[in-house]
Amino acid sequence: MTTTHSGGGLGPPGRLLVGTTSSAVPWEGSAGLPDGWPAAGSGSDTTTPGAAALTVWDVFGALPGRIADGTAPTTGAGGVERLDADLDLLAELGVRAHRVTLSWARLAPQGQVDPGGAGSDFYRRLLDGLRDRGIAPWVALHHWDLPLSLMEQGGWLARETAHRFADYAAAAAAAFGDRVAAWTTVDEPATVTALGYGVGIDAPGLTLLGGAFSAAHHQLLAHGHAVTALRAAGAVPVGIVNAHTVVRPHNPGSTADQAVARFVDLYLNRQFADPVLRGRYPRALHRSLPEMGDETLVHDGDLAVIGQPLDFYGVSWDHPLTVAAVPENRSVPFSLETPDGLPLTTTGRPVDPQGLQQTLSDLSRRYPDAPPLIVAASGGAFAARTDGADEDRIAFLDAHLAATEAAREAGSDVRAYFHRSLLDGWEWTDGWSARYGLVAVDRETGHRVRRPAFTHLQQRLAERPLQD
């Protein structure tokens, strides 16, 4: 049976629980394509203890021009080799909770979770190491890195993947249930759908446009079946993490821009929140995505599985979107514009803490019966300056914590805020060009250096604890 870690799980309303994040591929790294691939197959390197099987990102990351700096996800930040040192950094920081992602490909390199395998052993050491340092482990079952073997069978376009995910969730709960403070099922299915299956910017690089709805539905179905499996194993609390954004028209006086903003909001926000929190897809999307009414895709009973009650609802916040209508583009009839008056991260993303506050308040208003909210990931990438200055990262952290507190004061039941991230790592299509960490990581040597933002948060937590 799962027991909630004292002081760091989903507690009652009170002061905000503040933690940090790490994700499997950016922190641990991935398998890397073997010599002779694809003839070598999609399984694991059986010669290396704890080696993961290939994921969609191993293949996608090897394609020319897909990753900003041309790097591969192979090593990540070296978290497997530097586990104890990174856990000590968390203890030094003083957080009471840390979100980690299990790698499906590391836990089940041959397709089934082996409780006695090296992958399981690594995660037991990770979870026990957190608990031994008084840090509650919040575990995400999946964040983007689908095993390549499942992609070869259709990936999230295949209904069977949702059932395989439920089996994986059950095995993970059986292996680690007594070590975990809180569980999330899938992270950011909107991002995977839109960027991975819709326009091909992320792995697996498909350009299905509206045809990507099946990937959306099967990820949400996987979430629902995983909730059932986790609850059957006694795992509590359980939630999901959806990426949310505020969508604004580039020209507020343009009816075309307003219409596009409404559509993008429906597509990115409500397509994923409504089924989970209302048990139905938004009717306004049916005309644009007729697959929503396809009974061979959305089976009778699917939405009941997807919409079953949760213990919390996770929000991943990155940046707002400003959209302009481009009606002559029949594939994607809008463009993304850079808003005026907002600072930008090194990846060109607007910094808008008020957007986070608005998102939390809008969710509470739109879904009054929703469970408590958590900010599951919020962070910005800023340059690694030679003089060591870190004002932008500190300002981002302070402003987004303040925005979360403001939403709470306005009536939103927000229980936790997790900063992205403890460490620099391999950040998906940005590679190593995006530095999110409170701790800088040298890509070549793995050497860790605490940034001023690390000390700043450490002092805030020590002087005025932000959590009960």
Protein backbone atom coordinates (compact mmCIF):
# COMPACT_ATOMS: atom_id res chain seq x y z
CA MET A 1 0.00 0.00 0.00
CA THR A 2 1.16 3.53 -0.72
CA THR A 3 1.74 5.82 2.23
CA THR A 4 1.99 9.58 1.82
CA HIS A 5 5.37 10.91 2.89
CA SER A 6 4.89 13.06 5.97
CA GLY A 7 5.06 16.78 5.27
CA GLY A 8 5.63 16.60 1.53
CA GLY A 9 2.57 15.02 -0.01
CA LEU A 10 -0.68 16.69 -0.94
CA GLY A 11 -1.47 18.19 2.43
CA PRO A 12 -4.43 20.33 3.54
CA PRO A 13 -4.72 23.98 2.46
CA GLY A 14 -2.13 26.10 4.19
CA ARG A 15 1.22 27.41 3.13
CA LEU A 16 2.43 26.44 -0.29
CA LEU A 17 4.57 23.32 -0.69
CA VAL A 18 7.60 24.29 -2.79
CA GLY A 19 9.74 21.77 -4.60
CA THR A 20 11.88 21.23 -7.65
CA THR A 21 11.80 18.93 -10.67
CA SER A 22 13.92 16.60 -12.74
CA SER A 23 12.81 14.65 -15.81
CA ALA A 24 14.21 11.31 -16.88
CA VAL A 25 15.78 12.17 -20.25
CA PRO A 26 17.23 15.60 -19.32
CA TRP A 27 18.63 14.29 -16.03
CA GLU A 28 19.44 10.62 -16.62
CA GLY A 29 20.03 10.67 -20.36
CA SER A 30 18.86 7.93 -22.70
CA ALA A 31 20.12 4.86 -24.50
CA GLY A 32 21.57 6.43 -27.64
CA LEU A 33 21.44 4.78 -31.05
CA PRO A 34 23.71 1.73 -31.25
CA ASP A 35 26.14 1.16 -34.08
CA GLY A 36 24.33 -0.37 -37.00
CA TRP A 37 20.90 0.97 -36.05
CA PRO A 38 18.18 0.31 -37.21
CA ALA A 39 19.37 -3.22 -37.92
CA ALA A 40 20.45 -3.44 -34.25
CA GLY A 41 16.83 -3.13 -33.13
CA SER A 42 15.04 -1.02 -30.52
CA GLY A 43 15.84 -2.91 -27.34
CA SER A 44 18.27 -2.17 -24.54
CA ASP A 45 22.02 -2.40 -24.28
CA THR A 46 22.16 -5.56 -22.22
CA THR A 47 25.86 -5.07 -21.45
CA THR A 48 25.34 -1.97 -19.30
CA PRO A 49 23.66 -2.34 -15.89
CA GLY A 50 20.46 -0.33 -15.74
CA ALA A 51 20.63 0.64 -19.42
CA ALA A 52 17.44 1.94 -20.94
CA ALA A 53 15.85 0.81 -24.17
CA LEU A 54 15.66 3.26 -27.06
CA THR A 55 12.99 5.95 -26.99
CA VAL A 56 11.46 8.10 -29.72
CA TRP A 57 13.83 10.87 -28.67
CA ASP A 58 16.93 8.78 -29.42
CA VAL A 59 15.85 8.51 -33.05
CA PHE A 60 14.41 12.01 -33.37
CA GLY A 61 17.46 13.57 -31.72
CA ALA A 62 19.76 11.91 -34.25
CA LEU A 63 18.00 13.52 -37.23
CA PRO A 64 19.87 16.48 -38.77
CA GLY A 65 18.59 19.88 -37.75
CA ARG A 66 16.08 18.69 -35.15
CA ILE A 67 18.02 19.71 -32.02
CA ALA A 68 19.08 23.34 -31.67
CA ASP A 69 22.71 22.65 -30.80
CA GLY A 70 23.05 19.28 -32.51
CA THR A 71 23.55 17.35 -29.28
CA ALA A 72 22.03 13.95 -28.47
CA PRO A 73 20.15 12.94 -25.29
CA THR A 74 22.60 10.15 -24.50
CA THR A 75 24.13 11.38 -21.25
CA GLY A 76 21.69 13.98 -19.99
CA ALA A 77 23.06 15.57 -16.84
CA GLY A 78 24.59 12.29 -15.70
CA GLY A 79 22.04 11.71 -12.96
CA VAL A 80 22.52 7.95 -12.86
CA GLU A 81 26.22 8.28 -12.10
CA ARG A 82 25.86 11.30 -9.78
CA LEU A 83 22.73 10.23 -7.93
CA ASP A 84 23.98 10.70 -4.36
CA ALA A 85 25.60 14.06 -5.09
CA ASP A 86 22.41 15.38 -6.66
CA LEU A 87 20.34 14.16 -3.74
CA ASP A 88 22.72 15.98 -1.41
CA LEU A 89 22.16 19.18 -3.41
CA LEU A 90 18.41 18.83 -2.85
CA ALA A 91 18.92 18.35 0.88
CA GLU A 92 21.19 21.40 0.97
CA LEU A 93 18.59 23.45 -0.90
CA GLY A 94 16.01 22.65 1.75
CA VAL A 95 13.00 21.64 -0.34
CA ARG A 96 10.51 19.21 1.14
CA ALA A 97 9.41 17.66 -2.16
CA HIS A 98 10.94 16.82 -5.54
CA ARG A 99 9.21 15.68 -8.74
CA VAL A 100 10.98 12.89 -10.61
CA THR A 101 10.02 11.04 -13.76
CA LEU A 102 10.37 7.31 -14.16
CA SER A 103 11.69 6.22 -17.53
CA TRP A 104 9.41 3.59 -19.05
CA ALA A 105 12.34 2.55 -21.26
CA ARG A 106 14.70 2.10 -18.29
CA LEU A 107 12.20 0.24 -16.11
CA ALA A 108 10.98 -2.06 -18.86
CA PRO A 109 13.78 -2.35 -21.45
CA GLN A 110 12.43 -5.72 -22.59
CA GLY A 111 8.78 -4.64 -22.48
CA GLN A 112 7.87 -5.70 -18.93
CA VAL A 113 8.94 -4.11 -15.64
CA ASP A 114 11.43 -6.38 -13.87
CA PRO A 115 11.21 -5.65 -10.13
CA GLY A 116 14.63 -7.19 -9.68
CA GLY A 117 16.20 -5.45 -12.65
CA ALA A 118 18.85 -2.75 -12.64
CA GLY A 119 16.36 -0.07 -13.69
CA SER A 120 14.10 -0.86 -10.74
CA ASP A 121 17.12 -0.85 -8.46
CA PHE A 122 18.13 2.62 -9.63
CA TYR A 123 14.70 4.07 -8.92
CA ARG A 124 14.55 2.41 -5.51
CA ARG A 125 17.86 4.07 -4.66
CA LEU A 126 16.54 7.39 -5.95
CA LEU A 127 13.28 7.22 -3.98
CA ASP A 128 14.93 5.91 -0.81
CA GLY A 129 17.63 8.58 -1.10
CA LEU A 130 14.98 11.31 -1.24
CA ARG A 131 13.08 9.90 1.71
CA ASP A 132 16.24 9.46 3.78
CA ARG A 133 16.92 13.19 3.31
CA GLY A 134 13.40 14.19 4.35
CA ILE A 135 12.30 14.98 0.79
CA ALA A 136 8.96 13.66 -0.46
CA PRO A 137 9.18 11.88 -3.84
CA TRP A 138 6.49 13.00 -6.28
CA VAL A 139 6.63 10.51 -9.12
CA ALA A 140 5.59 11.05 -12.73
CA LEU A 141 5.12 7.83 -14.66
CA HIS A 142 5.79 9.33 -18.07
CA HIS A 143 7.16 12.53 -19.59
CA TRP A 144 7.43 12.34 -23.38
CA ASP A 145 10.04 9.52 -23.72
CA LEU A 146 7.91 6.76 -25.27
CA PRO A 147 9.86 3.51 -25.80
CA LEU A 148 10.73 3.09 -29.46
CA SER A 149 9.40 -0.47 -29.44
CA LEU A 150 5.91 0.92 -28.73
CA MET A 151 6.28 3.60 -31.39
CA GLU A 152 7.03 0.84 -33.89
CA GLN A 153 3.60 -0.57 -33.01
CA GLY A 154 1.85 2.77 -33.55
CA GLY A 155 2.84 4.79 -30.48
CA TRP A 156 0.06 7.00 -29.16
CA LEU A 157 -1.88 6.50 -32.39
CA ALA A 158 -2.54 2.94 -31.21
CA ARG A 159 -5.15 2.19 -28.56
CA GLU A 160 -3.06 -0.73 -27.32
CA THR A 161 -0.42 1.71 -26.04
CA ALA A 162 -2.92 2.98 -23.47
CA HIS A 163 -3.39 -0.55 -22.15
CA ARG A 164 0.36 -1.15 -22.10
CA PHE A 165 0.72 2.04 -20.08
CA ALA A 166 -1.81 0.77 -17.53
CA ASP A 167 0.24 -2.42 -17.13
CA TYR A 168 3.36 -0.30 -16.64
CA ALA A 169 1.59 1.85 -14.03
CA ALA A 170 0.47 -1.22 -12.10
CA ALA A 171 3.99 -2.65 -12.13
CA ALA A 172 5.51 0.66 -10.99
CA ALA A 173 3.02 0.95 -8.13
CA ALA A 174 3.79 -2.61 -7.04
CA ALA A 175 7.53 -1.92 -7.13
CA PHE A 176 7.65 1.53 -5.52
CA GLY A 177 4.26 2.21 -3.93
CA ASP A 178 5.46 2.42 -0.34
CA ARG A 179 8.13 4.96 -1.28
CA VAL A 180 6.05 7.55 -3.19
CA ALA A 181 4.33 10.65 -1.77
CA ALA A 182 2.22 11.42 -4.85
CA TRP A 183 1.75 10.05 -8.37
CA THR A 184 1.09 11.65 -11.73
CA THR A 185 0.23 9.63 -14.80
CA VAL A 186 1.13 11.41 -18.05
CA ASP A 187 2.85 14.77 -18.33
CA GLU A 188 1.84 17.35 -20.93
CA PRO A 189 -0.16 15.29 -23.45
CA ALA A 190 -1.07 18.52 -25.27
CA THR A 191 2.59 19.15 -26.07
CA VAL A 192 3.11 15.61 -27.31
CA THR A 193 -0.03 15.82 -29.44
CA ALA A 194 0.51 19.24 -30.98
CA LEU A 195 4.28 19.29 -31.40
CA GLY A 196 5.04 15.59 -31.72
CA TYR A 197 2.14 14.28 -33.77
CA GLY A 198 0.56 17.45 -35.16
CA VAL A 199 3.34 19.58 -36.65
CA GLY A 200 6.42 17.41 -36.13
CA ILE A 201 8.57 19.83 -34.13
CA ASP A 202 9.07 17.29 -31.31
CA ALA A 203 9.45 13.52 -31.30
CA PRO A 204 8.23 11.43 -32.99
CA GLY A 205 8.14 14.11 -35.68
CA LEU A 206 4.81 13.34 -37.35
CA THR A 207 2.80 15.99 -39.24
CA LEU A 208 -0.76 14.73 -38.91
CA LEU A 209 -2.30 18.13 -38.07
CA GLY A 210 -5.94 17.44 -37.06
CA GLY A 211 -5.31 13.72 -37.44
CA ALA A 212 -3.25 13.87 -34.25
CA PHE A 213 -6.45 13.70 -32.17
CA SER A 214 -6.05 9.94 -31.80
CA ALA A 215 -2.72 10.58 -30.02
CA ALA A 216 -4.50 13.00 -27.68
CA HIS A 217 -7.29 10.56 -26.92
CA HIS A 218 -5.03 7.59 -26.32
CA GLN A 219 -2.78 9.55 -23.96
CA LEU A 220 -5.82 10.61 -21.96
CA LEU A 221 -7.13 7.05 -22.04
CA ALA A 222 -3.74 5.87 -20.80
CA HIS A 223 -4.06 8.36 -17.96
CA GLY A 224 -7.50 7.04 -17.03
CA HIS A 225 -6.46 3.40 -17.09
CA ALA A 226 -3.34 4.25 -15.09
CA VAL A 227 -5.48 5.96 -12.43
CA THR A 228 -7.50 2.76 -12.15
CA ALA A 229 -4.33 0.67 -11.87
CA LEU A 230 -2.74 2.96 -9.29
CA ARG A 231 -5.84 3.06 -7.13
CA ALA A 232 -6.13 -0.74 -7.31
CA ALA A 233 -2.60 -0.86 -5.88
CA GLY A 234 -3.53 1.57 -3.10
CA ALA A 235 -1.55 4.47 -4.57
CA VAL A 236 -2.65 7.91 -3.35
CA PRO A 237 -2.75 10.75 -4.13
CA VAL A 238 -3.02 10.53 -7.91
CA GLY A 239 -3.23 13.24 -10.56
CA ILE A 240 -2.28 14.28 -14.08
CA VAL A 241 -0.13 17.12 -15.43
CA ASN A 242 -1.48 19.12 -18.35
CA ALA A 243 0.41 21.95 -20.05
CA HIS A 244 -1.67 25.12 -19.89
CA THR A 245 -1.21 28.52 -21.45
CA VAL A 246 -3.00 31.83 -21.83
CA VAL A 247 -3.84 32.50 -25.49
CA ARG A 248 -4.22 36.13 -26.60
CA PRO A 249 -5.06 37.66 -29.99
CA HIS A 250 -2.20 39.59 -31.57
CA ASN A 251 -4.65 42.32 -32.53
CA PRO A 252 -7.41 42.46 -29.92
CA GLY A 253 -9.56 44.45 -32.35
CA SER A 254 -9.36 41.80 -35.08
CA THR A 255 -12.26 39.36 -35.13
CA ALA A 256 -10.08 36.91 -37.06
CA ASP A 257 -7.34 37.02 -34.39
CA GLN A 258 -9.96 36.66 -31.66
CA ALA A 259 -11.41 33.58 -33.38
CA VAL A 260 -7.98 32.00 -33.75
CA ALA A 261 -7.20 32.67 -30.08
CA ARG A 262 -10.43 30.94 -29.05
CA PHE A 263 -9.59 27.93 -31.22
CA VAL A 264 -6.02 27.59 -29.89
CA ASP A 265 -7.33 27.85 -26.32
CA LEU A 266 -9.81 25.06 -27.06
CA TYR A 267 -7.15 22.94 -28.75
CA LEU A 268 -4.33 23.29 -26.20
CA ASN A 269 -6.20 23.84 -22.95
CA ARG A 270 -9.76 22.56 -23.00
CA GLN A 271 -9.21 19.54 -25.28
CA PHE A 272 -7.16 18.07 -22.42
CA ALA A 273 -8.78 19.59 -19.32
CA ASP A 274 -12.45 19.08 -20.21
CA PRO A 275 -12.29 15.26 -20.56
CA VAL A 276 -10.37 14.94 -17.30
CA LEU A 277 -12.43 17.42 -15.26
CA ARG A 278 -15.84 17.25 -17.01
CA GLY A 279 -15.84 13.84 -18.65
CA ARG A 280 -16.37 15.16 -22.20
CA TYR A 281 -14.54 16.85 -25.03
CA PRO A 282 -15.45 20.50 -25.70
CA ARG A 283 -18.32 20.59 -28.16
CA ALA A 284 -16.90 23.66 -29.88
CA LEU A 285 -13.99 21.56 -31.14
CA HIS A 286 -16.08 18.89 -32.84
CA ARG A 287 -16.38 20.86 -36.09
CA SER A 288 -12.59 21.27 -36.34
CA LEU A 289 -11.80 17.76 -35.10
CA PRO A 290 -14.59 15.47 -36.36
CA GLU A 291 -12.60 12.48 -35.07
CA MET A 292 -14.00 13.34 -31.63
CA GLY A 293 -17.29 11.83 -32.76
CA ASP A 294 -15.71 8.73 -34.30
CA GLU A 295 -17.02 5.78 -32.27
CA THR A 296 -14.28 3.54 -33.64
CA LEU A 297 -11.79 5.85 -31.91
CA VAL A 298 -13.68 7.15 -28.86
CA HIS A 299 -15.32 4.02 -27.52
CA ASP A 300 -18.34 3.91 -25.29
CA GLY A 301 -17.07 4.27 -21.72
CA ASP A 302 -13.75 5.91 -22.61
CA LEU A 303 -14.71 9.30 -21.24
CA ALA A 304 -15.87 7.79 -17.97
CA VAL A 305 -12.42 6.22 -17.60
CA ILE A 306 -10.68 9.48 -18.48
CA GLY A 307 -12.90 11.62 -16.26
CA GLN A 308 -12.77 9.62 -13.04
CA PRO A 309 -12.09 11.69 -9.90
CA LEU A 310 -8.52 12.76 -9.10
CA ASP A 311 -6.80 13.86 -5.93
CA PHE A 312 -5.13 16.84 -7.62
CA TYR A 313 -4.74 18.43 -11.04
CA GLY A 314 -1.28 19.46 -12.20
CA VAL A 315 -0.52 22.54 -14.30
CA SER A 316 2.69 22.85 -16.30
CA TRP A 317 3.28 26.52 -17.09
CA ASP A 318 5.82 27.77 -19.59
CA HIS A 319 4.70 30.92 -21.38
CA PRO A 320 1.67 32.66 -22.90
CA LEU A 321 0.84 32.48 -26.60
CA THR A 322 -0.01 35.43 -28.84
CA VAL A 323 -1.63 34.34 -32.10
CA ALA A 324 -2.50 36.06 -35.37
CA ALA A 325 -4.82 34.72 -38.05
CA VAL A 326 -3.19 33.58 -41.30
CA PRO A 327 -6.23 32.42 -43.28
CA GLU A 328 -4.24 31.74 -46.45
CA ASN A 329 -2.37 28.94 -44.64
CA ARG A 330 -4.82 26.06 -44.92
CA SER A 331 -2.68 23.72 -42.80
CA VAL A 332 -2.05 25.89 -39.71
CA PRO A 333 -4.12 29.07 -40.19
CA PHE A 334 -2.36 31.16 -37.57
CA SER A 335 1.09 32.35 -36.56
CA LEU A 336 2.74 32.77 -33.18
CA GLU A 337 3.78 36.33 -32.47
CA THR A 338 6.13 37.83 -29.88
CA PRO A 339 4.14 40.08 -27.55
CA ASP A 340 5.31 43.58 -26.81
CA GLY A 341 6.48 44.61 -23.36
CA LEU A 342 7.43 41.22 -21.88
CA PRO A 343 10.99 40.03 -21.18
CA LEU A 344 12.13 36.91 -23.02
CA THR A 345 14.06 33.84 -21.97
CA THR A 346 17.10 32.69 -23.96
CA THR A 347 14.74 30.44 -25.92
CA GLY A 348 12.61 33.44 -26.90
CA ARG A 349 9.68 32.64 -24.62
CA PRO A 350 7.83 35.53 -22.98
CA VAL A 351 8.08 35.75 -19.20
CA ASP A 352 4.57 36.43 -17.89
CA PRO A 353 3.86 35.48 -14.27
CA GLN A 354 0.45 37.14 -14.50
CA GLY A 355 -0.36 34.54 -17.15
CA LEU A 356 0.24 31.81 -14.60
CA GLN A 357 -2.01 33.57 -12.09
CA GLN A 358 -4.70 33.93 -14.76
CA THR A 359 -4.39 30.26 -15.71
CA LEU A 360 -4.86 29.09 -12.13
CA SER A 361 -7.78 31.44 -11.57
CA ASP A 362 -9.41 30.47 -14.88
CA LEU A 363 -9.16 26.76 -14.05
CA SER A 364 -10.78 27.34 -10.66
CA ARG A 365 -13.57 29.36 -12.26
CA ARG A 366 -14.19 27.06 -15.23
CA TYR A 367 -14.05 23.84 -13.20
CA PRO A 368 -15.48 24.64 -9.75
CA ASP A 369 -15.59 20.94 -8.81
CA ALA A 370 -11.96 20.32 -9.75
CA PRO A 371 -9.59 18.83 -7.20
CA PRO A 372 -6.78 20.95 -5.70
CA LEU A 373 -4.30 22.36 -8.19
CA ILE A 374 -0.53 22.07 -8.21
CA VAL A 375 1.94 23.98 -10.36
CA ALA A 376 3.83 20.89 -11.47
CA ALA A 377 6.53 22.68 -13.46
CA SER A 378 7.37 26.33 -13.99
CA GLY A 379 10.76 27.64 -15.01
CA GLY A 380 12.67 29.67 -17.56
CA ALA A 381 15.92 29.19 -19.46
CA PHE A 382 18.47 31.95 -18.95
CA ALA A 383 22.02 32.43 -20.15
CA ALA A 384 24.93 31.07 -18.16
CA ARG A 385 26.73 34.38 -17.61
CA THR A 386 30.49 34.49 -17.20
CA ASP A 387 30.18 36.94 -14.31
CA GLY A 388 27.92 34.51 -12.42
CA ALA A 389 25.00 36.94 -12.28
CA ASP A 390 21.59 35.29 -12.13
CA GLU A 391 19.09 38.13 -11.73
CA ASP A 392 16.74 36.91 -14.48
CA ARG A 393 16.36 33.43 -13.00
CA ILE A 394 15.83 34.85 -9.50
CA ALA A 395 13.26 37.32 -10.80
CA PHE A 396 11.43 34.53 -12.64
CA LEU A 397 11.31 32.37 -9.51
CA ASP A 398 10.12 35.17 -7.23
CA ALA A 399 7.51 36.47 -9.66
CA HIS A 400 5.98 33.06 -10.38
CA LEU A 401 5.86 32.12 -6.71
CA ALA A 402 4.15 35.45 -6.06
CA ALA A 403 1.69 34.81 -8.90
CA THR A 404 0.84 31.42 -7.42
CA GLU A 405 0.28 32.95 -3.99
CA ALA A 406 -1.88 35.66 -5.59
CA ALA A 407 -4.07 33.02 -7.21
CA ARG A 408 -4.42 31.32 -3.83
CA GLU A 409 -5.40 34.58 -2.18
CA ALA A 410 -8.00 35.08 -4.90
CA GLY A 411 -9.60 31.75 -4.06
CA SER A 412 -7.78 29.07 -6.09
CA ASP A 413 -6.93 25.97 -4.09
CA VAL A 414 -3.29 25.62 -5.14
CA ARG A 415 -1.31 23.31 -2.88
CA ALA A 416 2.19 23.09 -4.43
CA TYR A 417 4.69 24.82 -6.73
CA PHE A 418 7.55 22.91 -8.36
CA HIS A 419 10.35 24.88 -9.96
CA ARG A 420 11.86 23.64 -13.23
CA SER A 421 14.50 22.53 -12.52
CA LEU A 422 17.16 21.59 -10.00
CA LEU A 423 19.80 21.02 -12.68
CA ASP A 424 20.66 21.96 -16.22
CA GLY A 425 20.13 19.06 -18.61
CA TRP A 426 19.46 18.03 -22.18
CA GLU A 427 16.28 19.99 -22.87
CA TRP A 428 14.62 18.19 -25.75
CA THR A 429 14.73 20.18 -29.02
CA ASP A 430 16.78 22.89 -27.29
CA GLY A 431 19.49 20.38 -26.39
CA TRP A 432 21.99 21.97 -24.04
CA SER A 433 21.30 25.49 -25.32
CA ALA A 434 18.55 26.07 -22.72
CA ARG A 435 19.75 26.33 -19.13
CA TYR A 436 16.91 25.88 -16.64
CA GLY A 437 18.83 24.71 -13.58
CA LEU A 438 19.28 26.22 -10.18
CA VAL A 439 22.55 24.32 -10.51
CA ALA A 440 24.74 24.72 -13.61
CA VAL A 441 26.00 21.52 -15.22
CA ASP A 442 29.05 21.32 -17.47
CA ARG A 443 27.97 19.23 -20.47
CA GLU A 444 31.40 17.70 -20.98
CA THR A 445 32.44 16.92 -17.40
CA GLY A 446 29.12 16.89 -15.52
CA HIS A 447 30.59 19.27 -12.93
CA ARG A 448 27.90 21.01 -10.83
CA VAL A 449 28.02 24.66 -9.74
CA ARG A 450 25.32 26.26 -7.60
CA ARG A 451 23.87 29.35 -9.22
CA PRO A 452 22.83 32.41 -7.18
CA ALA A 453 19.19 31.36 -7.69
CA PHE A 454 19.96 28.18 -5.74
CA THR A 455 21.20 30.23 -2.78
CA HIS A 456 18.28 32.63 -3.13
CA LEU A 457 15.67 29.88 -2.90
CA GLN A 458 17.61 28.20 -0.11
CA GLN A 459 17.48 31.43 1.90
CA ARG A 460 13.78 31.96 1.21
CA LEU A 461 12.98 28.46 2.41
CA ALA A 462 15.10 28.87 5.52
CA GLU A 463 13.93 32.36 6.49
CA ARG A 464 10.23 31.96 5.76
CA PRO A 465 9.26 28.37 5.05
CA LEU A 466 6.86 28.27 2.12
CA GLN A 467 5.37 24.97 3.15
CA ASP A 468 3.84 23.39 6.22
